[in-house]
PDB file of N, CA and C in Angstrom:
ATOM      1  N   UNK A   1      -2.427  12.638   4.544  1.00  0.00           N
ATOM      2  CA  UNK A   1      -3.790  13.086   4.295  1.00  0.00           C
ATOM      3  C   UNK A   1      -3.785  13.943   3.031  1.00  0.00           C
ATOM      4  N   UNK A   2      -4.682  13.634   2.154  1.00  0.00           N
ATOM      5  CA  UNK A   2      -4.882  14.424   0.946  1.00  0.00           C
ATOM      6  C   UNK A   2      -6.367  14.724   0.859  1.00  0.00           C
ATOM      7  N   UNK A   3      -6.705  15.990   0.728  1.00  0.00           N
ATOM      8  CA  UNK A   3      -8.110  16.418   0.680  1.00  0.00           C
ATOM      9  C   UNK A   3      -8.894  15.926   1.886  1.00  0.00           C
ATOM     10  N   UNK A   4      -8.251  15.977   3.049  1.00  0.00           N
ATOM     11  CA  UNK A   4      -8.849  15.560   4.316  1.00  0.00           C
ATOM     12  C   UNK A   4      -9.273  14.097   4.327  1.00  0.00           C
ATOM     13  N   UNK A   5      -8.615  13.285   3.513  1.00  0.00           N
ATOM     14  CA  UNK A   5      -8.886  11.845   3.487  1.00  0.00           C
ATOM     15  C   UNK A   5      -7.568  11.108   3.646  1.00  0.00           C
ATOM     16  N   UNK A   6      -7.575  10.040   4.404  1.00  0.00           N
ATOM     17  CA  UNK A   6      -6.353   9.264   4.552  1.00  0.00           C
ATOM     18  C   UNK A   6      -6.053   8.522   3.263  1.00  0.00           C
ATOM     19  N   UNK A   7      -4.775   8.307   3.006  1.00  0.00           N
ATOM     20  CA  UNK A   7      -4.389   7.553   1.829  1.00  0.00           C
ATOM     21  C   UNK A   7      -4.086   6.120   2.250  1.00  0.00           C
ATOM     22  N   UNK A   8      -4.434   5.182   1.416  1.00  0.00           N
ATOM     23  CA  UNK A   8      -4.230   3.777   1.751  1.00  0.00           C
ATOM     24  C   UNK A   8      -4.200   2.956   0.476  1.00  0.00           C
ATOM     25  N   UNK A   9      -3.813   1.713   0.612  1.00  0.00           N
ATOM     26  CA  UNK A   9      -3.848   0.770  -0.497  1.00  0.00           C
ATOM     27  C   UNK A   9      -4.555  -0.491  -0.036  1.00  0.00           C
ATOM     28  N   UNK A  10      -5.045  -1.222  -0.984  1.00  0.00           N
ATOM     29  CA  UNK A  10      -5.607  -2.536  -0.692  1.00  0.00           C
ATOM     30  C   UNK A  10      -4.751  -3.564  -1.409  1.00  0.00           C
ATOM     31  N   UNK A  11      -4.286  -4.521  -0.660  1.00  0.00           N
ATOM     32  CA  UNK A  11      -3.489  -5.591  -1.251  1.00  0.00           C
ATOM     33  C   UNK A  11      -4.375  -6.815  -1.328  1.00  0.00           C
ATOM     34  N   UNK A  12      -4.669  -7.227  -2.543  1.00  0.00           N
ATOM     35  CA  UNK A  12      -5.558  -8.357  -2.777  1.00  0.00           C
ATOM     36  C   UNK A  12      -4.723  -9.486  -3.387  1.00  0.00           C
ATOM     37  N   UNK A  13      -4.681 -10.645  -2.747  1.00  0.00           N
ATOM     38  CA  UNK A  13      -3.893 -11.737  -3.320  1.00  0.00           C
ATOM     39  C   UNK A  13      -4.473 -12.209  -4.651  1.00  0.00           C
ATOM     40  N   UNK A  14      -3.597 -12.463  -5.594  1.00  0.00           N
ATOM     41  CA  UNK A  14      -4.000 -12.967  -6.911  1.00  0.00           C
ATOM     42  C   UNK A  14      -3.225 -14.261  -7.146  1.00  0.00           C
ATOM     43  N   UNK A  15      -3.798 -15.353  -6.712  1.00  0.00           N
ATOM     44  CA  UNK A  15      -3.137 -16.656  -6.798  1.00  0.00           C
ATOM     45  C   UNK A  15      -2.922 -17.035  -8.262  1.00  0.00           C
ATOM     46  N   UNK A  16      -1.705 -17.460  -8.562  1.00  0.00           N
ATOM     47  CA  UNK A  16      -1.392 -17.927  -9.911  1.00  0.00           C
ATOM     48  C   UNK A  16      -1.015 -16.824 -10.882  1.00  0.00           C
ATOM     49  N   UNK A  17      -0.962 -15.587 -10.442  1.00  0.00           N
ATOM     50  CA  UNK A  17      -0.593 -14.478 -11.322  1.00  0.00           C
ATOM     51  C   UNK A  17       0.820 -14.027 -10.991  1.00  0.00           C
ATOM     52  N   UNK A  18       1.496 -13.441 -11.969  1.00  0.00           N
ATOM     53  CA  UNK A  18       2.851 -12.950 -11.768  1.00  0.00           C
ATOM     54  C   UNK A  18       2.924 -11.460 -12.038  1.00  0.00           C
ATOM     55  N   UNK A  19       4.058 -10.858 -11.709  1.00  0.00           N
ATOM     56  CA  UNK A  19       4.261  -9.425 -11.931  1.00  0.00           C
ATOM     57  C   UNK A  19       4.072  -9.116 -13.407  1.00  0.00           C
ATOM     58  N   UNK A  20       3.282  -8.103 -13.689  1.00  0.00           N
ATOM     59  CA  UNK A  20       3.006  -7.704 -15.068  1.00  0.00           C
ATOM     60  C   UNK A  20       1.703  -8.254 -15.608  1.00  0.00           C
ATOM     61  N   UNK A  21       1.174  -9.327 -15.005  1.00  0.00           N
ATOM     62  CA  UNK A  21      -0.117  -9.857 -15.436  1.00  0.00           C
ATOM     63  C   UNK A  21      -1.223  -8.881 -15.045  1.00  0.00           C
ATOM     64  N   UNK A  22      -2.362  -9.035 -15.656  1.00  0.00           N
ATOM     65  CA  UNK A  22      -3.509  -8.187 -15.347  1.00  0.00           C
ATOM     66  C   UNK A  22      -4.588  -9.085 -14.757  1.00  0.00           C
ATOM     67  N   UNK A  23      -5.249  -8.608 -13.707  1.00  0.00           N
ATOM     68  CA  UNK A  23      -6.301  -9.384 -13.064  1.00  0.00           C
ATOM     69  C   UNK A  23      -7.598  -8.579 -13.112  1.00  0.00           C
ATOM     70  N   UNK A  24      -8.688  -9.268 -13.362  1.00  0.00           N
ATOM     71  CA  UNK A  24     -10.020  -8.655 -13.450  1.00  0.00           C
ATOM     72  C   UNK A  24     -10.793  -9.048 -12.200  1.00  0.00           C
ATOM     73  N   UNK A  25     -11.171  -8.053 -11.387  1.00  0.00           N
ATOM     74  CA  UNK A  25     -11.903  -8.314 -10.153  1.00  0.00           C
ATOM     75  C   UNK A  25     -13.409  -8.281 -10.359  1.00  0.00           C
ATOM     76  N   UNK A  26     -13.869  -7.623 -11.413  1.00  0.00           N
ATOM     77  CA  UNK A  26     -15.294  -7.543 -11.698  1.00  0.00           C
ATOM     78  C   UNK A  26     -15.998  -6.495 -10.860  1.00  0.00           C
ATOM     79  N   UNK A  27     -17.179  -6.119 -11.312  1.00  0.00           N
ATOM     80  CA  UNK A  27     -17.990  -5.160 -10.565  1.00  0.00           C
ATOM     81  C   UNK A  27     -17.297  -3.825 -10.388  1.00  0.00           C
ATOM     82  N   UNK A  28     -17.466  -3.226  -9.231  1.00  0.00           N
ATOM     83  CA  UNK A  28     -16.885  -1.913  -8.952  1.00  0.00           C
ATOM     84  C   UNK A  28     -15.383  -1.955  -8.729  1.00  0.00           C
ATOM     85  N   UNK A  29     -14.816  -3.142  -8.478  1.00  0.00           N
ATOM     86  CA  UNK A  29     -13.381  -3.236  -8.230  1.00  0.00           C
ATOM     87  C   UNK A  29     -12.560  -3.111  -9.507  1.00  0.00           C
ATOM     88  N   UNK A  30     -13.131  -3.455 -10.650  1.00  0.00           N
ATOM     89  CA  UNK A  30     -12.448  -3.279 -11.927  1.00  0.00           C
ATOM     90  C   UNK A  30     -11.274  -4.204 -12.130  1.00  0.00           C
ATOM     91  N   UNK A  31     -10.255  -3.701 -12.826  1.00  0.00           N
ATOM     92  CA  UNK A  31      -9.068  -4.486 -13.164  1.00  0.00           C
ATOM     93  C   UNK A  31      -7.824  -3.758 -12.672  1.00  0.00           C
ATOM     94  N   UNK A  32      -6.739  -4.520 -12.527  1.00  0.00           N
ATOM     95  CA  UNK A  32      -5.489  -3.917 -12.069  1.00  0.00           C
ATOM     96  C   UNK A  32      -4.313  -4.765 -12.519  1.00  0.00           C
ATOM     97  N   UNK A  33      -3.153  -4.126 -12.722  1.00  0.00           N
ATOM     98  CA  UNK A  33      -1.948  -4.896 -13.030  1.00  0.00           C
ATOM     99  C   UNK A  33      -1.347  -5.452 -11.738  1.00  0.00           C
ATOM    100  N   UNK A  34      -0.649  -6.561 -11.852  1.00  0.00           N
ATOM    101  CA  UNK A  34       0.058  -7.131 -10.708  1.00  0.00           C
ATOM    102  C   UNK A  34       1.392  -6.399 -10.595  1.00  0.00           C
ATOM    103  N   UNK A  35       1.649  -5.807  -9.427  1.00  0.00           N
ATOM    104  CA  UNK A  35       2.856  -5.023  -9.212  1.00  0.00           C
ATOM    105  C   UNK A  35       3.762  -5.757  -8.231  1.00  0.00           C
ATOM    106  N   UNK A  36       5.074  -5.554  -8.322  1.00  0.00           N
ATOM    107  CA  UNK A  36       5.976  -6.215  -7.381  1.00  0.00           C
ATOM    108  C   UNK A  36       5.797  -5.641  -5.975  1.00  0.00           C
ATOM    109  N   UNK A  37       6.002  -6.489  -4.976  1.00  0.00           N
ATOM    110  CA  UNK A  37       5.921  -6.065  -3.585  1.00  0.00           C
ATOM    111  C   UNK A  37       7.336  -5.906  -3.057  1.00  0.00           C
ATOM    112  N   UNK A  38       7.570  -4.833  -2.324  1.00  0.00           N
ATOM    113  CA  UNK A  38       8.886  -4.558  -1.764  1.00  0.00           C
ATOM    114  C   UNK A  38       9.284  -5.694  -0.825  1.00  0.00           C
ATOM    115  N   UNK A  39      10.452  -6.263  -1.045  1.00  0.00           N
ATOM    116  CA  UNK A  39      10.894  -7.393  -0.222  1.00  0.00           C
ATOM    117  C   UNK A  39      11.733  -6.951   0.977  1.00  0.00           C
ATOM    118  N   UNK A  40      12.000  -5.658   1.095  1.00  0.00           N
ATOM    119  CA  UNK A  40      12.807  -5.153   2.202  1.00  0.00           C
ATOM    120  C   UNK A  40      11.935  -4.947   3.427  1.00  0.00           C
ATOM    121  N   UNK A  41      12.510  -5.143   4.580  1.00  0.00           N
ATOM    122  CA  UNK A  41      11.791  -4.949   5.833  1.00  0.00           C
ATOM    123  C   UNK A  41      12.256  -3.684   6.535  1.00  0.00           C
ATOM    124  N   UNK A  42      11.674  -3.420   7.676  1.00  0.00           N
ATOM    125  CA  UNK A  42      12.038  -2.232   8.448  1.00  0.00           C
ATOM    126  C   UNK A  42      12.796  -2.608   9.715  1.00  0.00           C
ATOM    127  N   UNK A  43      13.298  -3.843   9.808  1.00  0.00           N
ATOM    128  CA  UNK A  43      13.974  -4.298  11.016  1.00  0.00           C
ATOM    129  C   UNK A  43      15.189  -3.438  11.356  1.00  0.00           C
ATOM    130  N   UNK A  44      15.998  -3.075  10.359  1.00  0.00           N
ATOM    131  CA  UNK A  44      17.190  -2.266  10.624  1.00  0.00           C
ATOM    132  C   UNK A  44      16.794  -0.905  11.183  1.00  0.00           C
ATOM    133  N   UNK A  45      15.756  -0.322  10.650  1.00  0.00           N
ATOM    134  CA  UNK A  45      15.275   0.971  11.138  1.00  0.00           C
ATOM    135  C   UNK A  45      14.787   0.851  12.580  1.00  0.00           C
ATOM    136  N   UNK A  46      14.025  -0.175  12.861  1.00  0.00           N
ATOM    137  CA  UNK A  46      13.484  -0.371  14.210  1.00  0.00           C
ATOM    138  C   UNK A  46      14.610  -0.690  15.189  1.00  0.00           C
ATOM    139  N   UNK A  47      15.588  -1.493  14.771  1.00  0.00           N
ATOM    140  CA  UNK A  47      16.706  -1.838  15.651  1.00  0.00           C
ATOM    141  C   UNK A  47      17.571  -0.632  16.004  1.00  0.00           C
ATOM    142  N   UNK A  48      17.567   0.398  15.128  1.00  0.00           N
ATOM    143  CA  UNK A  48      18.298   1.632  15.437  1.00  0.00           C
ATOM    144  C   UNK A  48      17.455   2.546  16.327  1.00  0.00           C
ATOM    145  N   UNK A  49      16.355   2.046  16.824  1.00  0.00           N
ATOM    146  CA  UNK A  49      15.430   2.795  17.690  1.00  0.00           C
ATOM    147  C   UNK A  49      14.781   3.956  16.951  1.00  0.00           C
ATOM    148  N   UNK A  50      14.546   3.758  15.645  1.00  0.00           N
ATOM    149  CA  UNK A  50      13.868   4.786  14.863  1.00  0.00           C
ATOM    150  C   UNK A  50      12.389   4.834  15.192  1.00  0.00           C
ATOM    151  N   UNK A  51      11.803   5.963  14.948  1.00  0.00           N
ATOM    152  CA  UNK A  51      10.381   6.121  15.224  1.00  0.00           C
ATOM    153  C   UNK A  51       9.642   6.336  13.919  1.00  0.00           C
ATOM    154  N   UNK A  52       8.555   5.645  13.748  1.00  0.00           N
ATOM    155  CA  UNK A  52       7.677   5.853  12.603  1.00  0.00           C
ATOM    156  C   UNK A  52       6.601   6.821  13.061  1.00  0.00           C
ATOM    157  N   UNK A  53       6.521   8.004  12.457  1.00  0.00           N
ATOM    158  CA  UNK A  53       5.580   9.010  12.949  1.00  0.00           C
ATOM    159  C   UNK A  53       4.129   8.589  12.745  1.00  0.00           C
ATOM    160  N   UNK A  54       3.277   9.108  13.598  1.00  0.00           N
ATOM    161  CA  UNK A  54       1.842   8.872  13.470  1.00  0.00           C
ATOM    162  C   UNK A  54       1.341   9.611  12.223  1.00  0.00           C
ATOM    163  N   UNK A  55       0.244   9.154  11.635  1.00  0.00           N
ATOM    164  CA  UNK A  55      -0.279   9.844  10.455  1.00  0.00           C
ATOM    165  C   UNK A  55      -0.731  11.264  10.798  1.00  0.00           C
ATOM    166  N   UNK A  56      -0.576  12.148   9.837  1.00  0.00           N
ATOM    167  CA  UNK A  56      -1.028  13.529  10.033  1.00  0.00           C
ATOM    168  C   UNK A  56      -2.531  13.559   9.792  1.00  0.00           C
ATOM    169  N   UNK A  57      -3.257  14.111  10.743  1.00  0.00           N
ATOM    170  CA  UNK A  57      -4.718  14.111  10.624  1.00  0.00           C
ATOM    171  C   UNK A  57      -5.256  15.314   9.889  1.00  0.00           C
ATOM    172  N   UNK A  58      -4.554  16.429   9.936  1.00  0.00           N
ATOM    173  CA  UNK A  58      -5.076  17.605   9.256  1.00  0.00           C
ATOM    174  C   UNK A  58      -3.982  18.660   9.131  1.00  0.00           C
ATOM    175  N   UNK A  59      -4.017  19.401   8.036  1.00  0.00           N
ATOM    176  CA  UNK A  59      -3.112  20.525   7.861  1.00  0.00           C
ATOM    177  C   UNK A  59      -3.845  21.836   8.138  1.00  0.00           C
ATOM    178  N   UNK A  60      -5.068  21.763   8.608  1.00  0.00           N
ATOM    179  CA  UNK A  60      -5.860  22.967   8.911  1.00  0.00           C
ATOM    180  C   UNK A  60      -5.560  23.471  10.303  1.00  0.00           C
ATOM    181  N   UNK A  61      -5.760  24.754  10.508  1.00  0.00           N
ATOM    182  CA  UNK A  61      -5.619  25.331  11.850  1.00  0.00           C
ATOM    183  C   UNK A  61      -6.932  25.277  12.579  1.00  0.00           C
TER     184      UNK A  61
END
């Protein structure tokens, strides 16, 4: 949480584009570069019985 807002990303498929290309979405979405996606998974972490913590909702008392 930053400024009492959750952080997130939007992954929008860009068919026919490669890493480093630029895509124009138009309107309020604007433009963005194509970035590489992490190819690693979390299977090893989960198999070790690791826990992924829940998101923090607030740092206020």
